[in-house]
Amino acid sequence: MTYVLVDIGKKDFYSMSYKTSINKNKSGQGLLETIVAIGIIVSGVVGMMNLTISNQSASEDAEERLIAINLSREGIEVVRNIRDTNWLSCEIVNSVLDCNNWDKSIVSGIDVIAVPIFNVDLNLWTIDFTADAISHDHARVWRKNAGNAEFIGAQFQSADATPANSTLTAYRRILELYSICSDKAPVTSCAVGDKIGIRVQSRVYWESRGKINEVITEERLFNWR
């Protein structure tokens, strides 16, 4: 057997080693660039997802607060409408307008905590003084989901433990009805003939994402139009 020895020379050997090293460096550099690119893309996607989630949460918060504001305003309007209805029953006695019953059904002695109750069947609002705190069952707000088409979607409070065709919402509402005496100071009650108005506070509470929220609307209603 004959062996052939080939002398590639030192120069050629070093050249081959150098080329191999360059190829390895290029391969490592390409892998690093790929990792960096993937990292940038992932960061962008995660950022977009966080922004989307944040916007959705903000939108839901705004919707919930809008509902609470409307419920709070509604509580004020219920008391105002009852006062106005009482005004329509005023009488003229000896050429003088007699409106001693202007606050009928919206006061109960020194009890200042109440809730506006809506009777769906009678389409009638009343002020109920049974509730003594926001935790009372009458403070719960229900949503009508069946029955009379006119009231489907309406949110209301009821004296019933479970109103028919209704689902419980996350909201609760109470009214605080303080008397306003002639010195214009809100108190639980005034002396006979000294009451000139009512300070109405409508408070709405709801829990969302583990946080208790509250909206308060206040109005002062007086013994005149």
C-alpha atoms as a PDB file:
ATOM      1  CA  MET A   1       0.000   0.000   0.000  1.00  0.00           C
ATOM      2  CA  THR A   2       1.302   3.401  -0.931  1.00  0.00           C
ATOM      3  CA  TYR A   3       0.640   6.484   1.210  1.00  0.00           C
ATOM      4  CA  VAL A   4       0.662   9.951  -0.258  1.00  0.00           C
ATOM      5  CA  LEU A   5       1.557  12.744   2.041  1.00  0.00           C
ATOM      6  CA  VAL A   6       0.191  16.122   1.109  1.00  0.00           C
ATOM      7  CA  ASP A   7       1.751  19.183   2.601  1.00  0.00           C
ATOM      8  CA  ILE A   8      -0.975  21.812   2.882  1.00  0.00           C
ATOM      9  CA  GLY A   9       1.421  24.222   4.450  1.00  0.00           C
ATOM     10  CA  LYS A  10       1.054  26.361   7.504  1.00  0.00           C
ATOM     11  CA  LYS A  11      -0.563  29.172   5.601  1.00  0.00           C
ATOM     12  CA  ASP A  12      -3.330  26.974   4.244  1.00  0.00           C
ATOM     13  CA  PHE A  13      -3.934  25.398   7.648  1.00  0.00           C
ATOM     14  CA  TYR A  14      -4.314  28.748   9.367  1.00  0.00           C
ATOM     15  CA  SER A  15      -6.592  29.927   6.558  1.00  0.00           C
ATOM     16  CA  MET A  16      -8.914  26.966   6.999  1.00  0.00           C
ATOM     17  CA  SER A  17      -9.000  27.421  10.799  1.00  0.00           C
ATOM     18  CA  TYR A  18      -9.800  31.131  10.372  1.00  0.00           C
ATOM     19  CA  LYS A  19     -12.667  30.417   7.991  1.00  0.00           C
ATOM     20  CA  THR A  20     -14.119  27.837  10.410  1.00  0.00           C
ATOM     21  CA  SER A  21     -13.948  30.381  13.238  1.00  0.00           C
ATOM     22  CA  ILE A  22     -15.715  33.027  11.127  1.00  0.00           C
ATOM     23  CA  ASN A  23     -18.496  30.600  10.248  1.00  0.00           C
ATOM     24  CA  LYS A  24     -18.990  29.751  13.925  1.00  0.00           C
ATOM     25  CA  ASN A  25     -19.091  33.464  14.874  1.00  0.00           C
ATOM     26  CA  LYS A  26     -21.608  34.192  12.150  1.00  0.00           C
ATOM     27  CA  SER A  27     -23.781  31.322  13.357  1.00  0.00           C
ATOM     28  CA  GLY A  28     -23.680  32.573  16.974  1.00  0.00           C
ATOM     29  CA  GLN A  29     -24.363  36.145  15.904  1.00  0.00           C
ATOM     30  CA  GLY A  30     -27.365  35.051  13.845  1.00  0.00           C
ATOM     31  CA  LEU A  31     -28.815  33.141  16.819  1.00  0.00           C
ATOM     32  CA  LEU A  32     -28.349  36.145  19.095  1.00  0.00           C
ATOM     33  CA  GLU A  33     -30.071  38.427  16.601  1.00  0.00           C
ATOM     34  CA  THR A  34     -32.994  36.002  16.362  1.00  0.00           C
ATOM     35  CA  ILE A  35     -33.385  35.895  20.146  1.00  0.00           C
ATOM     36  CA  VAL A  36     -33.301  39.686  20.353  1.00  0.00           C
ATOM     37  CA  ALA A  37     -35.875  39.998  17.567  1.00  0.00           C
ATOM     38  CA  ILE A  38     -38.187  37.474  19.261  1.00  0.00           C
ATOM     39  CA  GLY A  39     -37.817  39.374  22.529  1.00  0.00           C
ATOM     40  CA  ILE A  40     -38.817  42.651  20.868  1.00  0.00           C
ATOM     41  CA  ILE A  41     -41.838  41.053  19.211  1.00  0.00           C
ATOM     42  CA  VAL A  42     -42.962  39.403  22.461  1.00  0.00           C
ATOM     43  CA  SER A  43     -42.562  42.689  24.349  1.00  0.00           C
ATOM     44  CA  GLY A  44     -44.673  44.460  21.741  1.00  0.00           C
ATOM     45  CA  VAL A  45     -47.410  41.821  21.855  1.00  0.00           C
ATOM     46  CA  VAL A  46     -47.483  41.818  25.674  1.00  0.00           C
ATOM     47  CA  GLY A  47     -47.644  45.612  25.691  1.00  0.00           C
ATOM     48  CA  MET A  48     -50.572  45.608  23.263  1.00  0.00           C
ATOM     49  CA  MET A  49     -52.396  42.972  25.334  1.00  0.00           C
ATOM     50  CA  ASN A  50     -51.880  44.980  28.539  1.00  0.00           C
ATOM     51  CA  LEU A  51     -53.140  48.119  26.820  1.00  0.00           C
ATOM     52  CA  THR A  52     -56.216  46.280  25.522  1.00  0.00           C
ATOM     53  CA  ILE A  53     -56.984  44.851  28.958  1.00  0.00           C
ATOM     54  CA  SER A  54     -56.467  48.264  30.552  1.00  0.00           C
ATOM     55  CA  ASN A  55     -58.793  49.947  28.051  1.00  0.00           C
ATOM     56  CA  GLN A  56     -61.439  47.258  28.572  1.00  0.00           C
ATOM     57  CA  SER A  57     -61.243  47.666  32.359  1.00  0.00           C
ATOM     58  CA  ALA A  58     -61.501  51.441  32.043  1.00  0.00           C
ATOM     59  CA  SER A  59     -64.522  51.066  29.760  1.00  0.00           C
ATOM     60  CA  GLU A  60     -66.234  48.694  32.209  1.00  0.00           C
ATOM     61  CA  ASP A  61     -65.470  51.028  35.125  1.00  0.00           C
ATOM     62  CA  ALA A  62     -66.961  53.971  33.236  1.00  0.00           C
ATOM     63  CA  GLU A  63     -70.100  51.987  32.398  1.00  0.00           C
ATOM     64  CA  GLU A  64     -70.565  50.854  36.002  1.00  0.00           C
ATOM     65  CA  ARG A  65     -70.087  54.399  37.317  1.00  0.00           C
ATOM     66  CA  LEU A  66     -72.563  55.804  34.787  1.00  0.00           C
ATOM     67  CA  ILE A  67     -75.208  53.331  35.968  1.00  0.00           C
ATOM     68  CA  ALA A  68     -74.468  54.261  39.594  1.00  0.00           C
ATOM     69  CA  ILE A  69     -74.774  57.987  38.826  1.00  0.00           C
ATOM     70  CA  ASN A  70     -78.128  57.441  37.119  1.00  0.00           C
ATOM     71  CA  LEU A  71     -79.391  55.388  40.070  1.00  0.00           C
ATOM     72  CA  SER A  72     -78.254  58.086  42.472  1.00  0.00           C
ATOM     73  CA  ARG A  73     -79.969  60.832  40.482  1.00  0.00           C
ATOM     74  CA  GLU A  74     -83.096  58.721  40.212  1.00  0.00           C
ATOM     75  CA  GLY A  75     -83.297  58.530  44.003  1.00  0.00           C
ATOM     76  CA  ILE A  76     -83.343  62.335  44.167  1.00  0.00           C
ATOM     77  CA  GLU A  77     -86.006  62.565  41.461  1.00  0.00           C
ATOM     78  CA  VAL A  78     -88.287  60.068  43.248  1.00  0.00           C
ATOM     79  CA  VAL A  79     -88.331  62.271  46.352  1.00  0.00           C
ATOM     80  CA  ARG A  80     -88.800  65.405  44.251  1.00  0.00           C
ATOM     81  CA  ASN A  81     -91.748  63.896  42.353  1.00  0.00           C
ATOM     82  CA  ILE A  82     -93.483  62.886  45.592  1.00  0.00           C
ATOM     83  CA  ARG A  83     -92.987  66.401  46.944  1.00  0.00           C
ATOM     84  CA  ASP A  84     -94.400  67.882  43.738  1.00  0.00           C
ATOM     85  CA  THR A  85     -97.385  65.517  43.867  1.00  0.00           C
ATOM     86  CA  ASN A  86     -98.036  66.675  47.429  1.00  0.00           C
ATOM     87  CA  TRP A  87     -97.932  70.242  46.207  1.00  0.00           C
ATOM     88  CA  LEU A  88    -100.736  69.502  43.744  1.00  0.00           C
ATOM     89  CA  SER A  89    -102.964  68.617  46.697  1.00  0.00           C
ATOM     90  CA  CYS A  90    -102.396  71.950  48.431  1.00  0.00           C
ATOM     91  CA  GLU A  91    -105.492  73.944  49.317  1.00  0.00           C
ATOM     92  CA  ILE A  92    -106.263  77.624  49.622  1.00  0.00           C
ATOM     93  CA  VAL A  93    -107.622  78.325  53.104  1.00  0.00           C
ATOM     94  CA  ASN A  94    -108.772  81.877  53.898  1.00  0.00           C
ATOM     95  CA  SER A  95    -106.987  83.180  50.813  1.00  0.00           C
ATOM     96  CA  VAL A  96    -103.748  81.530  51.988  1.00  0.00           C
ATOM     97  CA  LEU A  97    -102.073  78.568  50.281  1.00  0.00           C
ATOM     98  CA  ASP A  98    -101.997  75.738  52.802  1.00  0.00           C
ATOM     99  CA  CYS A  99     -99.286  73.132  52.083  1.00  0.00           C
ATOM    100  CA  ASN A 100     -98.675  71.543  55.448  1.00  0.00           C
ATOM    101  CA  ASN A 101     -98.554  68.110  53.814  1.00  0.00           C
ATOM    102  CA  TRP A 102     -95.854  68.970  51.265  1.00  0.00           C
ATOM    103  CA  ASP A 103     -93.505  66.376  52.827  1.00  0.00           C
ATOM    104  CA  LYS A 104     -96.104  63.634  53.219  1.00  0.00           C
ATOM    105  CA  SER A 105     -94.686  60.110  52.637  1.00  0.00           C
ATOM    106  CA  ILE A 106     -91.089  61.379  52.514  1.00  0.00           C
ATOM    107  CA  VAL A 107     -90.597  61.759  56.271  1.00  0.00           C
ATOM    108  CA  SER A 108     -90.951  59.326  59.170  1.00  0.00           C
ATOM    109  CA  GLY A 109     -90.368  61.024  62.504  1.00  0.00           C
ATOM    110  CA  ILE A 110     -86.675  61.073  63.307  1.00  0.00           C
ATOM    111  CA  ASP A 111     -85.885  58.153  60.970  1.00  0.00           C
ATOM    112  CA  VAL A 112     -83.734  59.557  58.160  1.00  0.00           C
ATOM    113  CA  ILE A 113     -82.662  56.354  56.370  1.00  0.00           C
ATOM    114  CA  ALA A 114     -84.937  55.152  53.569  1.00  0.00           C
ATOM    115  CA  VAL A 115     -85.006  53.493  50.162  1.00  0.00           C
ATOM    116  CA  PRO A 116     -87.110  54.257  47.072  1.00  0.00           C
ATOM    117  CA  ILE A 117     -89.333  51.248  46.370  1.00  0.00           C
ATOM    118  CA  PHE A 118     -90.839  50.726  42.930  1.00  0.00           C
ATOM    119  CA  ASN A 119     -93.969  48.611  42.493  1.00  0.00           C
ATOM    120  CA  VAL A 120     -93.774  47.326  38.927  1.00  0.00           C
ATOM    121  CA  ASP A 121     -97.386  46.131  38.859  1.00  0.00           C
ATOM    122  CA  LEU A 122     -98.756  49.509  39.986  1.00  0.00           C
ATOM    123  CA  ASN A 123     -96.026  51.589  38.319  1.00  0.00           C
ATOM    124  CA  LEU A 124     -95.714  53.429  41.632  1.00  0.00           C
ATOM    125  CA  TRP A 125     -92.786  54.804  43.655  1.00  0.00           C
ATOM    126  CA  THR A 126     -92.894  54.966  47.461  1.00  0.00           C
ATOM    127  CA  ILE A 127     -90.354  55.810  50.145  1.00  0.00           C
ATOM    128  CA  ASP A 128     -89.747  52.924  52.545  1.00  0.00           C
ATOM    129  CA  PHE A 129     -88.166  53.593  55.960  1.00  0.00           C
ATOM    130  CA  THR A 130     -87.707  49.924  56.882  1.00  0.00           C
ATOM    131  CA  ALA A 131     -84.054  49.865  55.817  1.00  0.00           C
ATOM    132  CA  ASP A 132     -81.619  51.199  58.405  1.00  0.00           C
ATOM    133  CA  ALA A 133     -78.337  50.611  56.561  1.00  0.00           C
ATOM    134  CA  ILE A 134     -76.879  49.889  53.138  1.00  0.00           C
ATOM    135  CA  SER A 135     -76.646  46.215  54.139  1.00  0.00           C
ATOM    136  CA  HIS A 136     -80.441  45.882  54.445  1.00  0.00           C
ATOM    137  CA  ASP A 137     -82.170  43.667  51.872  1.00  0.00           C
ATOM    138  CA  HIS A 138     -84.374  46.549  50.716  1.00  0.00           C
ATOM    139  CA  ALA A 139     -81.241  48.438  49.648  1.00  0.00           C
ATOM    140  CA  ARG A 140     -80.514  45.852  46.958  1.00  0.00           C
ATOM    141  CA  VAL A 141     -81.083  46.896  43.350  1.00  0.00           C
ATOM    142  CA  TRP A 142     -82.752  44.428  40.983  1.00  0.00           C
ATOM    143  CA  ARG A 143     -82.978  44.325  37.205  1.00  0.00           C
ATOM    144  CA  LYS A 144     -86.187  43.316  35.446  1.00  0.00           C
ATOM    145  CA  ASN A 145     -85.472  40.647  32.805  1.00  0.00           C
ATOM    146  CA  ALA A 146     -88.958  39.394  31.877  1.00  0.00           C
ATOM    147  CA  GLY A 147     -92.620  40.218  32.152  1.00  0.00           C
ATOM    148  CA  ASN A 148     -94.059  43.563  31.035  1.00  0.00           C
ATOM    149  CA  ALA A 149     -91.981  44.652  28.049  1.00  0.00           C
ATOM    150  CA  GLU A 150     -92.175  48.272  29.195  1.00  0.00           C
ATOM    151  CA  PHE A 151     -90.119  47.512  32.298  1.00  0.00           C
ATOM    152  CA  ILE A 152     -87.645  44.930  30.972  1.00  0.00           C
ATOM    153  CA  GLY A 153     -84.148  46.204  31.725  1.00  0.00           C
ATOM    154  CA  ALA A 154     -85.382  48.572  34.428  1.00  0.00           C
ATOM    155  CA  GLN A 155     -83.397  48.633  37.677  1.00  0.00           C
ATOM    156  CA  PHE A 156     -85.368  49.031  40.882  1.00  0.00           C
ATOM    157  CA  GLN A 157     -85.610  48.250  44.582  1.00  0.00           C
ATOM    158  CA  SER A 158     -88.271  46.071  46.104  1.00  0.00           C
ATOM    159  CA  ALA A 159     -89.635  45.099  49.501  1.00  0.00           C
ATOM    160  CA  ASP A 160     -89.944  41.521  48.230  1.00  0.00           C
ATOM    161  CA  ALA A 161     -87.210  39.073  49.138  1.00  0.00           C
ATOM    162  CA  THR A 162     -86.949  37.961  45.499  1.00  0.00           C
ATOM    163  CA  PRO A 163     -88.970  40.005  42.983  1.00  0.00           C
ATOM    164  CA  ALA A 164     -90.460  37.983  40.134  1.00  0.00           C
ATOM    165  CA  ASN A 165     -88.714  37.983  36.751  1.00  0.00           C
ATOM    166  CA  SER A 166     -85.745  39.865  38.160  1.00  0.00           C
ATOM    167  CA  THR A 167     -82.034  39.341  38.726  1.00  0.00           C
ATOM    168  CA  LEU A 168     -79.918  40.858  41.485  1.00  0.00           C
ATOM    169  CA  THR A 169     -77.373  43.503  40.445  1.00  0.00           C
ATOM    170  CA  ALA A 170     -74.160  44.559  42.167  1.00  0.00           C
ATOM    171  CA  TYR A 171     -75.698  47.875  43.274  1.00  0.00           C
ATOM    172  CA  ARG A 172     -77.237  49.019  46.541  1.00  0.00           C
ATOM    173  CA  ARG A 173     -78.959  52.355  47.196  1.00  0.00           C
ATOM    174  CA  ILE A 174     -80.163  54.244  50.245  1.00  0.00           C
ATOM    175  CA  LEU A 175     -81.564  57.723  50.831  1.00  0.00           C
ATOM    176  CA  GLU A 176     -80.753  60.031  53.737  1.00  0.00           C
ATOM    177  CA  LEU A 177     -83.589  62.499  54.352  1.00  0.00           C
ATOM    178  CA  TYR A 178     -82.643  65.205  56.844  1.00  0.00           C
ATOM    179  CA  SER A 179     -85.032  67.996  57.771  1.00  0.00           C
ATOM    180  CA  ILE A 180     -84.004  71.602  57.105  1.00  0.00           C
ATOM    181  CA  CYS A 181     -85.248  73.996  59.752  1.00  0.00           C
ATOM    182  CA  SER A 182     -85.653  77.759  59.499  1.00  0.00           C
ATOM    183  CA  ASP A 183     -81.991  78.208  60.452  1.00  0.00           C
ATOM    184  CA  LYS A 184     -81.177  76.052  57.365  1.00  0.00           C
ATOM    185  CA  ALA A 185     -79.319  73.442  59.419  1.00  0.00           C
ATOM    186  CA  PRO A 186     -79.966  69.785  58.435  1.00  0.00           C
ATOM    187  CA  VAL A 187     -81.234  67.835  61.466  1.00  0.00           C
ATOM    188  CA  THR A 188     -83.237  64.686  62.123  1.00  0.00           C
ATOM    189  CA  SER A 189     -86.367  66.720  62.894  1.00  0.00           C
ATOM    190  CA  CYS A 190     -87.552  70.301  63.393  1.00  0.00           C
ATOM    191  CA  ALA A 191     -89.934  71.928  65.810  1.00  0.00           C
ATOM    192  CA  VAL A 192     -93.559  72.133  64.702  1.00  0.00           C
ATOM    193  CA  GLY A 193     -93.912  74.758  61.978  1.00  0.00           C
ATOM    194  CA  ASP A 194     -90.158  75.295  61.753  1.00  0.00           C
ATOM    195  CA  LYS A 195     -89.418  72.900  58.878  1.00  0.00           C
ATOM    196  CA  ILE A 196     -88.755  74.552  55.528  1.00  0.00           C
ATOM    197  CA  GLY A 197     -87.142  71.785  53.500  1.00  0.00           C
ATOM    198  CA  ILE A 198     -85.412  68.414  53.219  1.00  0.00           C
ATOM    199  CA  ARG A 199     -81.799  67.632  52.436  1.00  0.00           C
ATOM    200  CA  VAL A 200     -81.808  64.519  50.253  1.00  0.00           C
ATOM    201  CA  GLN A 201     -78.685  62.432  49.809  1.00  0.00           C
ATOM    202  CA  SER A 202     -78.881  59.480  47.446  1.00  0.00           C
ATOM    203  CA  ARG A 203     -76.036  57.001  47.997  1.00  0.00           C
ATOM    204  CA  VAL A 204     -75.216  54.147  45.637  1.00  0.00           C
ATOM    205  CA  TYR A 205     -72.675  51.442  46.454  1.00  0.00           C
ATOM    206  CA  TRP A 206     -71.290  48.623  44.345  1.00  0.00           C
ATOM    207  CA  GLU A 207     -68.349  46.227  44.424  1.00  0.00           C
ATOM    208  CA  SER A 208     -66.169  45.745  41.369  1.00  0.00           C
ATOM    209  CA  ARG A 209     -62.921  43.788  41.116  1.00  0.00           C
ATOM    210  CA  GLY A 210     -62.639  43.576  44.892  1.00  0.00           C
ATOM    211  CA  LYS A 211     -63.108  47.340  45.403  1.00  0.00           C
ATOM    212  CA  ILE A 212     -66.078  49.083  47.053  1.00  0.00           C
ATOM    213  CA  ASN A 213     -67.257  52.114  45.064  1.00  0.00           C
ATOM    214  CA  GLU A 214     -69.687  54.861  46.035  1.00  0.00           C
ATOM    215  CA  VAL A 215     -71.573  57.684  44.319  1.00  0.00           C
ATOM    216  CA  ILE A 216     -73.392  60.366  46.327  1.00  0.00           C
ATOM    217  CA  THR A 217     -75.862  62.890  44.926  1.00  0.00           C
ATOM    218  CA  GLU A 218     -77.319  65.648  47.108  1.00  0.00           C
ATOM    219  CA  GLU A 219     -80.242  67.986  46.614  1.00  0.00           C
ATOM    220  CA  ARG A 220     -82.147  70.354  48.910  1.00  0.00           C
ATOM    221  CA  LEU A 221     -85.890  70.416  48.388  1.00  0.00           C
ATOM    222  CA  PHE A 222     -87.955  73.175  49.998  1.00  0.00           C
ATOM    223  CA  ASN A 223     -91.550  73.889  50.829  1.00  0.00           C
ATOM    224  CA  TRP A 224     -92.026  75.884  47.667  1.00  0.00           C
ATOM    225  CA  ARG A 225     -91.808  75.240  43.938  1.00  0.00           C
END
